[in-house]
Amino acid sequence: MTLTSIQKGNPQHPPLVFMHYLGGSVYTWLPVMEALSQHFYCISLDMPGFGDSAQCSPASISVQAEAVRKTLNELGVSQPWLVGHSMTGKLVAVMALQTPKEVAGIILTAPSPLCPQPMTDQQFAMQYEWQATREHASKFVAGSHQKTLTDDALKRTIDDVLRANPAAFPYWAKTASQEDFTHRYDDVTLPALLLLGEEDDNVPRLEQQLSSTLHQFLPHEYQILEGCGHLLPLEATEKLATIIGEFIKKYS
């Protein structure tokens, strides 16, 4: 499986590979990519079931990892920094632990953890009983951010949710989010940055992120973004780009 992608920047620069949250697309990370593309080669991927890859069936973490590696190989990208958001945070962490020599480092943005992701009954029902309507999509997006999005960003985000494969939401809730990768792999020497929104209730808070995931990577750092919810790439675009750029510079 080859995934749809967009690229920004000079292919001779260090590669950053961006992967989106549940309901997102290549466009979720586009504002951050544009801010970083002067110094990095930025690639954004449509994950199976989403964006222009919506025709693909939703896939397990292992199948997604194979698809990402195949796509990057076809693009001629090696030793990238992997940037995962929410559902793809789990994916990025697994890929880095599986093949740490193939990765420069990782950025975990409001990530699903390596352990089964805890959800409230309301969060589970929203995804498992998915309704592909604008009302349902708008409610899903509204529960994902605290800071106000621009009108264009809000429309794009809702449209992305609506064009996703409807089967992807219950599959994530019931299956992929519950995959357990704790204690499967040895700790690795690989720089990892964890970014969390202060007001984000969609993924575990700092203590559980540290104990389930971040402790397996050294060196590691974390930052909490004040007043933000789950959609960090859209709620704190400039701040996120600055933090990512400085972290990579520090460990390159």
C-alpha atoms as a PDB file:
ATOM      1  CA  MET A   1       0.000   0.000   0.000  1.00  0.00           C
ATOM      2  CA  THR A   2       1.376   3.405  -1.013  1.00  0.00           C
ATOM      3  CA  LEU A   3      -0.033   6.421   0.803  1.00  0.00           C
ATOM      4  CA  THR A   4      -0.955   9.769  -0.729  1.00  0.00           C
ATOM      5  CA  SER A   5       1.454  12.527   0.269  1.00  0.00           C
ATOM      6  CA  ILE A   6       2.323  16.181  -0.208  1.00  0.00           C
ATOM      7  CA  GLN A   7       5.793  17.677   0.077  1.00  0.00           C
ATOM      8  CA  LYS A   8       7.104  21.113   0.982  1.00  0.00           C
ATOM      9  CA  GLY A   9      10.707  22.324   0.966  1.00  0.00           C
ATOM     10  CA  ASN A  10      14.045  21.244  -0.455  1.00  0.00           C
ATOM     11  CA  PRO A  11      14.572  17.449  -0.711  1.00  0.00           C
ATOM     12  CA  GLN A  12      18.215  18.046   0.206  1.00  0.00           C
ATOM     13  CA  HIS A  13      17.221  19.288   3.654  1.00  0.00           C
ATOM     14  CA  PRO A  14      16.590  17.015   6.678  1.00  0.00           C
ATOM     15  CA  PRO A  15      13.274  15.167   6.180  1.00  0.00           C
ATOM     16  CA  LEU A  16      10.306  15.544   8.513  1.00  0.00           C
ATOM     17  CA  VAL A  17       7.404  13.139   8.016  1.00  0.00           C
ATOM     18  CA  PHE A  18       4.057  14.326   9.382  1.00  0.00           C
ATOM     19  CA  MET A  19       1.152  12.004  10.176  1.00  0.00           C
ATOM     20  CA  HIS A  20      -2.317  13.159  11.186  1.00  0.00           C
ATOM     21  CA  TYR A  21      -4.917  12.478  13.844  1.00  0.00           C
ATOM     22  CA  LEU A  22      -8.142  10.440  13.561  1.00  0.00           C
ATOM     23  CA  GLY A  23     -10.216  12.260  10.946  1.00  0.00           C
ATOM     24  CA  GLY A  24      -7.363  14.337   9.584  1.00  0.00           C
ATOM     25  CA  SER A  25      -5.474  14.404   6.299  1.00  0.00           C
ATOM     26  CA  VAL A  26      -2.277  15.699   4.739  1.00  0.00           C
ATOM     27  CA  TYR A  27      -3.697  19.190   5.248  1.00  0.00           C
ATOM     28  CA  THR A  28      -3.853  18.985   9.056  1.00  0.00           C
ATOM     29  CA  TRP A  29      -0.125  19.630   9.304  1.00  0.00           C
ATOM     30  CA  LEU A  30       0.142  21.964   6.299  1.00  0.00           C
ATOM     31  CA  PRO A  31       0.395  25.252   8.272  1.00  0.00           C
ATOM     32  CA  VAL A  32       3.233  23.815  10.407  1.00  0.00           C
ATOM     33  CA  MET A  33       4.951  22.399   7.316  1.00  0.00           C
ATOM     34  CA  GLU A  34       4.870  25.778   5.603  1.00  0.00           C
ATOM     35  CA  ALA A  35       6.509  27.356   8.651  1.00  0.00           C
ATOM     36  CA  LEU A  36       9.283  24.717   8.688  1.00  0.00           C
ATOM     37  CA  SER A  37       9.819  24.169   4.962  1.00  0.00           C
ATOM     38  CA  GLN A  38      12.597  26.753   4.668  1.00  0.00           C
ATOM     39  CA  HIS A  39      14.939  24.505   6.658  1.00  0.00           C
ATOM     40  CA  PHE A  40      13.397  21.029   6.323  1.00  0.00           C
ATOM     41  CA  TYR A  41      11.979  18.744   3.648  1.00  0.00           C
ATOM     42  CA  CYS A  42       8.438  18.244   4.938  1.00  0.00           C
ATOM     43  CA  ILE A  43       6.286  15.296   3.871  1.00  0.00           C
ATOM     44  CA  SER A  44       2.695  14.802   5.027  1.00  0.00           C
ATOM     45  CA  LEU A  45       0.873  11.507   4.593  1.00  0.00           C
ATOM     46  CA  ASP A  46      -2.781  10.512   4.243  1.00  0.00           C
ATOM     47  CA  MET A  47      -3.120   7.496   6.506  1.00  0.00           C
ATOM     48  CA  PRO A  48      -5.214   4.465   5.417  1.00  0.00           C
ATOM     49  CA  GLY A  49      -8.887   5.417   5.520  1.00  0.00           C
ATOM     50  CA  PHE A  50      -8.350   9.169   5.448  1.00  0.00           C
ATOM     51  CA  GLY A  51      -7.937  12.013   2.960  1.00  0.00           C
ATOM     52  CA  ASP A  52      -7.035  10.766  -0.512  1.00  0.00           C
ATOM     53  CA  SER A  53      -6.307   7.355   1.058  1.00  0.00           C
ATOM     54  CA  ALA A  54      -9.946   7.074   2.215  1.00  0.00           C
ATOM     55  CA  GLN A  55     -10.557   4.211  -0.210  1.00  0.00           C
ATOM     56  CA  CYS A  56      -8.078   2.093   1.781  1.00  0.00           C
ATOM     57  CA  SER A  57      -9.460  -0.033   4.573  1.00  0.00           C
ATOM     58  CA  PRO A  58      -8.561   1.044   8.114  1.00  0.00           C
ATOM     59  CA  ALA A  59      -5.446  -0.811   9.179  1.00  0.00           C
ATOM     60  CA  SER A  60      -3.615  -2.110  12.212  1.00  0.00           C
ATOM     61  CA  ILE A  61      -0.559  -0.282  13.529  1.00  0.00           C
ATOM     62  CA  SER A  62       1.760  -2.850  11.919  1.00  0.00           C
ATOM     63  CA  VAL A  63       0.096  -2.535   8.508  1.00  0.00           C
ATOM     64  CA  GLN A  64       0.229   1.252   8.747  1.00  0.00           C
ATOM     65  CA  ALA A  65       3.937   1.079   9.577  1.00  0.00           C
ATOM     66  CA  GLU A  66       4.591  -1.034   6.493  1.00  0.00           C
ATOM     67  CA  ALA A  67       2.649   1.437   4.345  1.00  0.00           C
ATOM     68  CA  VAL A  68       4.601   4.402   5.717  1.00  0.00           C
ATOM     69  CA  ARG A  69       7.950   2.695   5.124  1.00  0.00           C
ATOM     70  CA  LYS A  70       6.945   1.699   1.580  1.00  0.00           C
ATOM     71  CA  THR A  71       5.794   5.234   0.774  1.00  0.00           C
ATOM     72  CA  LEU A  72       8.956   6.840   2.146  1.00  0.00           C
ATOM     73  CA  ASN A  73      11.115   4.370   0.248  1.00  0.00           C
ATOM     74  CA  GLU A  74       9.330   5.272  -2.989  1.00  0.00           C
ATOM     75  CA  LEU A  75       9.887   8.964  -2.209  1.00  0.00           C
ATOM     76  CA  GLY A  76      13.585   8.318  -1.588  1.00  0.00           C
ATOM     77  CA  VAL A  77      13.368   9.458   2.041  1.00  0.00           C
ATOM     78  CA  SER A  78      15.711   7.944   4.620  1.00  0.00           C
ATOM     79  CA  GLN A  79      16.509   8.703   8.272  1.00  0.00           C
ATOM     80  CA  PRO A  80      13.514  11.004   8.749  1.00  0.00           C
ATOM     81  CA  TRP A  81      12.203  12.661  11.840  1.00  0.00           C
ATOM     82  CA  LEU A  82       8.739  11.177  12.404  1.00  0.00           C
ATOM     83  CA  VAL A  83       5.989  13.473  13.654  1.00  0.00           C
ATOM     84  CA  GLY A  84       2.793  11.779  14.833  1.00  0.00           C
ATOM     85  CA  HIS A  85      -0.431  13.361  16.025  1.00  0.00           C
ATOM     86  CA  SER A  86      -2.942  11.521  18.213  1.00  0.00           C
ATOM     87  CA  MET A  87      -3.611   8.087  16.609  1.00  0.00           C
ATOM     88  CA  THR A  88      -0.326   8.264  14.678  1.00  0.00           C
ATOM     89  CA  GLY A  89       1.597   9.059  17.843  1.00  0.00           C
ATOM     90  CA  LYS A  90       1.212   5.386  18.747  1.00  0.00           C
ATOM     91  CA  LEU A  91       2.325   4.468  15.218  1.00  0.00           C
ATOM     92  CA  VAL A  92       5.402   6.717  15.313  1.00  0.00           C
ATOM     93  CA  ALA A  93       6.511   5.351  18.695  1.00  0.00           C
ATOM     94  CA  VAL A  94       6.139   1.758  17.472  1.00  0.00           C
ATOM     95  CA  MET A  95       8.056   2.447  14.241  1.00  0.00           C
ATOM     96  CA  ALA A  96      10.899   4.075  16.171  1.00  0.00           C
ATOM     97  CA  LEU A  97      11.147   1.176  18.636  1.00  0.00           C
ATOM     98  CA  GLN A  98      11.007  -1.415  15.846  1.00  0.00           C
ATOM     99  CA  THR A  99      13.734   0.130  13.678  1.00  0.00           C
ATOM    100  CA  PRO A 100      15.487   2.916  15.612  1.00  0.00           C
ATOM    101  CA  LYS A 101      18.434   3.027  13.194  1.00  0.00           C
ATOM    102  CA  GLU A 102      16.056   4.070  10.404  1.00  0.00           C
ATOM    103  CA  VAL A 103      14.761   7.116  12.300  1.00  0.00           C
ATOM    104  CA  ALA A 104      16.486  10.376  13.276  1.00  0.00           C
ATOM    105  CA  GLY A 105      14.061  11.108  16.115  1.00  0.00           C
ATOM    106  CA  ILE A 106      10.368  11.444  16.919  1.00  0.00           C
ATOM    107  CA  ILE A 107       7.862  14.141  17.844  1.00  0.00           C
ATOM    108  CA  LEU A 108       4.790  12.814  19.681  1.00  0.00           C
ATOM    109  CA  THR A 109       2.001  15.387  19.435  1.00  0.00           C
ATOM    110  CA  ALA A 110      -0.982  14.705  21.713  1.00  0.00           C
ATOM    111  CA  PRO A 111      -0.264  11.008  21.081  1.00  0.00           C
ATOM    112  CA  SER A 112      -2.199   7.852  21.627  1.00  0.00           C
ATOM    113  CA  PRO A 113       0.114   5.911  23.988  1.00  0.00           C
ATOM    114  CA  LEU A 114       1.823   2.566  23.489  1.00  0.00           C
ATOM    115  CA  CYS A 115      -0.642   1.041  25.946  1.00  0.00           C
ATOM    116  CA  PRO A 116      -4.342   0.601  25.088  1.00  0.00           C
ATOM    117  CA  GLN A 117      -5.771   4.107  24.896  1.00  0.00           C
ATOM    118  CA  PRO A 118      -8.190   4.887  27.714  1.00  0.00           C
ATOM    119  CA  MET A 119     -11.479   6.450  26.586  1.00  0.00           C
ATOM    120  CA  THR A 120     -14.579   7.663  28.333  1.00  0.00           C
ATOM    121  CA  ASP A 121     -17.847   6.001  27.370  1.00  0.00           C
ATOM    122  CA  GLN A 122     -18.761   9.194  25.518  1.00  0.00           C
ATOM    123  CA  GLN A 123     -15.505   9.245  23.529  1.00  0.00           C
ATOM    124  CA  PHE A 124     -15.862   5.576  22.611  1.00  0.00           C
ATOM    125  CA  ALA A 125     -19.485   6.006  21.530  1.00  0.00           C
ATOM    126  CA  MET A 126     -18.655   9.050  19.395  1.00  0.00           C
ATOM    127  CA  GLN A 127     -16.203   6.926  17.355  1.00  0.00           C
ATOM    128  CA  TYR A 128     -17.750   3.446  17.528  1.00  0.00           C
ATOM    129  CA  GLU A 129     -21.238   4.682  16.607  1.00  0.00           C
ATOM    130  CA  TRP A 130     -19.881   6.962  13.902  1.00  0.00           C
ATOM    131  CA  GLN A 131     -22.370   8.881  11.763  1.00  0.00           C
ATOM    132  CA  ALA A 132     -20.968  10.416   8.584  1.00  0.00           C
ATOM    133  CA  THR A 133     -23.019  13.597   8.870  1.00  0.00           C
ATOM    134  CA  ARG A 134     -21.891  17.225   9.053  1.00  0.00           C
ATOM    135  CA  GLU A 135     -23.566  17.561  12.455  1.00  0.00           C
ATOM    136  CA  HIS A 136     -21.657  14.586  13.865  1.00  0.00           C
ATOM    137  CA  ALA A 137     -18.383  15.703  12.262  1.00  0.00           C
ATOM    138  CA  SER A 138     -18.814  19.231  13.633  1.00  0.00           C
ATOM    139  CA  LYS A 139     -19.411  17.848  17.123  1.00  0.00           C
ATOM    140  CA  PHE A 140     -16.334  15.618  16.820  1.00  0.00           C
ATOM    141  CA  VAL A 141     -14.131  18.567  15.797  1.00  0.00           C
ATOM    142  CA  ALA A 142     -15.628  20.865  18.454  1.00  0.00           C
ATOM    143  CA  GLY A 143     -14.577  18.380  21.117  1.00  0.00           C
ATOM    144  CA  SER A 144     -11.011  18.395  19.825  1.00  0.00           C
ATOM    145  CA  HIS A 145      -9.935  22.010  20.263  1.00  0.00           C
ATOM    146  CA  GLN A 146      -9.985  24.687  22.958  1.00  0.00           C
ATOM    147  CA  LYS A 147      -8.577  27.638  21.058  1.00  0.00           C
ATOM    148  CA  THR A 148     -10.672  29.160  18.289  1.00  0.00           C
ATOM    149  CA  LEU A 149      -9.773  27.984  14.788  1.00  0.00           C
ATOM    150  CA  THR A 150      -9.917  30.262  11.772  1.00  0.00           C
ATOM    151  CA  ASP A 151     -12.997  29.844   9.595  1.00  0.00           C
ATOM    152  CA  ASP A 152     -10.892  28.272   6.828  1.00  0.00           C
ATOM    153  CA  ALA A 153      -9.158  25.863   9.217  1.00  0.00           C
ATOM    154  CA  LEU A 154     -12.451  24.846  10.801  1.00  0.00           C
ATOM    155  CA  LYS A 155     -14.091  24.181   7.429  1.00  0.00           C
ATOM    156  CA  ARG A 156     -11.096  22.177   6.179  1.00  0.00           C
ATOM    157  CA  THR A 157     -10.998  20.137   9.375  1.00  0.00           C
ATOM    158  CA  ILE A 158     -14.700  19.260   9.235  1.00  0.00           C
ATOM    159  CA  ASP A 159     -14.479  18.480   5.512  1.00  0.00           C
ATOM    160  CA  ASP A 160     -11.547  16.134   6.193  1.00  0.00           C
ATOM    161  CA  VAL A 161     -13.572  14.267   8.806  1.00  0.00           C
ATOM    162  CA  LEU A 162     -16.484  13.927   6.382  1.00  0.00           C
ATOM    163  CA  ARG A 163     -14.408  12.514   3.528  1.00  0.00           C
ATOM    164  CA  ALA A 164     -12.787   9.849   5.715  1.00  0.00           C
ATOM    165  CA  ASN A 165     -13.809   6.212   5.395  1.00  0.00           C
ATOM    166  CA  PRO A 166     -16.648   5.905   7.950  1.00  0.00           C
ATOM    167  CA  ALA A 167     -15.331   2.487   8.979  1.00  0.00           C
ATOM    168  CA  ALA A 168     -12.086   4.058  10.179  1.00  0.00           C
ATOM    169  CA  PHE A 169     -13.644   5.553  13.314  1.00  0.00           C
ATOM    170  CA  PRO A 170     -15.114   2.398  14.893  1.00  0.00           C
ATOM    171  CA  TYR A 171     -12.028   0.454  13.812  1.00  0.00           C
ATOM    172  CA  TRP A 172      -9.798   2.858  15.697  1.00  0.00           C
ATOM    173  CA  ALA A 173     -12.005   2.863  18.801  1.00  0.00           C
ATOM    174  CA  LYS A 174     -12.438  -0.909  18.991  1.00  0.00           C
ATOM    175  CA  THR A 175      -9.196  -2.214  17.518  1.00  0.00           C
ATOM    176  CA  ALA A 176      -6.163  -0.086  16.639  1.00  0.00           C
ATOM    177  CA  SER A 177      -6.328   2.248  19.646  1.00  0.00           C
ATOM    178  CA  GLN A 178      -6.447  -0.793  21.935  1.00  0.00           C
ATOM    179  CA  GLU A 179      -3.326  -2.476  20.564  1.00  0.00           C
ATOM    180  CA  ASP A 180      -0.813  -2.882  23.377  1.00  0.00           C
ATOM    181  CA  PHE A 181       2.880  -2.366  22.622  1.00  0.00           C
ATOM    182  CA  THR A 182       4.128  -1.884  26.172  1.00  0.00           C
ATOM    183  CA  HIS A 183       7.129  -4.031  27.107  1.00  0.00           C
ATOM    184  CA  ARG A 184       7.397  -5.402  23.537  1.00  0.00           C
ATOM    185  CA  TYR A 185      10.584  -3.582  22.592  1.00  0.00           C
ATOM    186  CA  ASP A 186      13.836  -2.621  24.272  1.00  0.00           C
ATOM    187  CA  ASP A 187      14.438   0.997  25.202  1.00  0.00           C
ATOM    188  CA  VAL A 188      16.259   2.953  22.501  1.00  0.00           C
ATOM    189  CA  THR A 189      18.715   5.811  22.279  1.00  0.00           C
ATOM    190  CA  LEU A 190      16.697   8.164  20.106  1.00  0.00           C
ATOM    191  CA  PRO A 191      15.585  11.749  20.790  1.00  0.00           C
ATOM    192  CA  ALA A 192      11.865  12.028  21.503  1.00  0.00           C
ATOM    193  CA  LEU A 193       9.731  15.080  22.202  1.00  0.00           C
ATOM    194  CA  LEU A 194       6.253  14.859  23.733  1.00  0.00           C
ATOM    195  CA  LEU A 195       3.856  17.768  23.178  1.00  0.00           C
ATOM    196  CA  LEU A 196       0.533  17.941  25.011  1.00  0.00           C
ATOM    197  CA  GLY A 197      -2.278  20.489  25.145  1.00  0.00           C
ATOM    198  CA  GLU A 198      -2.990  21.729  28.646  1.00  0.00           C
ATOM    199  CA  GLU A 199      -6.747  21.286  28.131  1.00  0.00           C
ATOM    200  CA  ASP A 200      -6.640  18.063  26.094  1.00  0.00           C
ATOM    201  CA  ASP A 201      -8.904  15.324  27.468  1.00  0.00           C
ATOM    202  CA  ASN A 202      -8.717  13.135  24.349  1.00  0.00           C
ATOM    203  CA  VAL A 203      -5.445  11.408  25.266  1.00  0.00           C
ATOM    204  CA  PRO A 204      -3.736  10.521  28.565  1.00  0.00           C
ATOM    205  CA  ARG A 205      -2.123  13.251  30.624  1.00  0.00           C
ATOM    206  CA  LEU A 206       1.598  13.654  31.182  1.00  0.00           C
ATOM    207  CA  GLU A 207       2.131  11.075  33.946  1.00  0.00           C
ATOM    208  CA  GLN A 208       0.631   8.210  31.929  1.00  0.00           C
ATOM    209  CA  GLN A 209       2.377   9.324  28.735  1.00  0.00           C
ATOM    210  CA  LEU A 210       5.706   9.218  30.565  1.00  0.00           C
ATOM    211  CA  SER A 211       5.119   5.817  32.141  1.00  0.00           C
ATOM    212  CA  SER A 212       3.611   4.127  29.066  1.00  0.00           C
ATOM    213  CA  THR A 213       5.636   5.582  26.206  1.00  0.00           C
ATOM    214  CA  LEU A 214       8.194   8.343  26.638  1.00  0.00           C
ATOM    215  CA  HIS A 215      10.384   6.472  29.131  1.00  0.00           C
ATOM    216  CA  GLN A 216      11.456   4.081  26.340  1.00  0.00           C
ATOM    217  CA  PHE A 217      13.314   6.861  24.526  1.00  0.00           C
ATOM    218  CA  LEU A 218      16.491   8.630  25.621  1.00  0.00           C
ATOM    219  CA  PRO A 219      17.012  11.516  25.507  1.00  0.00           C
ATOM    220  CA  HIS A 220      13.438  12.696  25.867  1.00  0.00           C
ATOM    221  CA  GLU A 221      11.749  15.985  26.622  1.00  0.00           C
ATOM    222  CA  TYR A 222       8.191  17.227  26.948  1.00  0.00           C
ATOM    223  CA  GLN A 223       6.256  20.481  26.820  1.00  0.00           C
ATOM    224  CA  ILE A 224       2.702  21.387  27.796  1.00  0.00           C
ATOM    225  CA  LEU A 225       1.080  24.009  25.568  1.00  0.00           C
ATOM    226  CA  GLU A 226      -1.000  26.359  27.650  1.00  0.00           C
ATOM    227  CA  GLY A 227      -4.687  26.743  26.841  1.00  0.00           C
ATOM    228  CA  CYS A 228      -4.610  24.245  23.961  1.00  0.00           C
ATOM    229  CA  GLY A 229      -6.739  21.205  23.304  1.00  0.00           C
ATOM    230  CA  HIS A 230      -6.112  18.241  21.015  1.00  0.00           C
ATOM    231  CA  LEU A 231      -5.635  19.960  17.633  1.00  0.00           C
ATOM    232  CA  LEU A 232      -2.202  21.399  18.372  1.00  0.00           C
ATOM    233  CA  PRO A 233      -1.135  21.773  14.701  1.00  0.00           C
ATOM    234  CA  LEU A 234      -4.053  24.180  14.190  1.00  0.00           C
ATOM    235  CA  GLU A 235      -4.369  25.717  17.651  1.00  0.00           C
ATOM    236  CA  ALA A 236      -0.692  26.600  18.122  1.00  0.00           C
ATOM    237  CA  THR A 237       0.839  26.472  14.642  1.00  0.00           C
ATOM    238  CA  GLU A 238       3.692  28.958  15.068  1.00  0.00           C
ATOM    239  CA  LYS A 239       4.533  27.779  18.585  1.00  0.00           C
ATOM    240  CA  LEU A 240       4.590  24.163  17.452  1.00  0.00           C
ATOM    241  CA  ALA A 241       6.817  24.927  14.474  1.00  0.00           C
ATOM    242  CA  THR A 242       9.267  26.795  16.697  1.00  0.00           C
ATOM    243  CA  ILE A 243       9.406  24.030  19.311  1.00  0.00           C
ATOM    244  CA  ILE A 244       9.889  21.292  16.689  1.00  0.00           C
ATOM    245  CA  GLY A 245      12.575  23.233  14.842  1.00  0.00           C
ATOM    246  CA  GLU A 246      14.532  23.988  18.023  1.00  0.00           C
ATOM    247  CA  PHE A 247      14.312  20.392  19.252  1.00  0.00           C
ATOM    248  CA  ILE A 248      15.604  18.978  15.973  1.00  0.00           C
ATOM    249  CA  LYS A 249      18.423  21.528  15.852  1.00  0.00           C
ATOM    250  CA  LYS A 250      19.409  20.542  19.388  1.00  0.00           C
ATOM    251  CA  TYR A 251      19.737  16.853  18.533  1.00  0.00           C
ATOM    252  CA  SER A 252      21.028  17.014  14.957  1.00  0.00           C
END
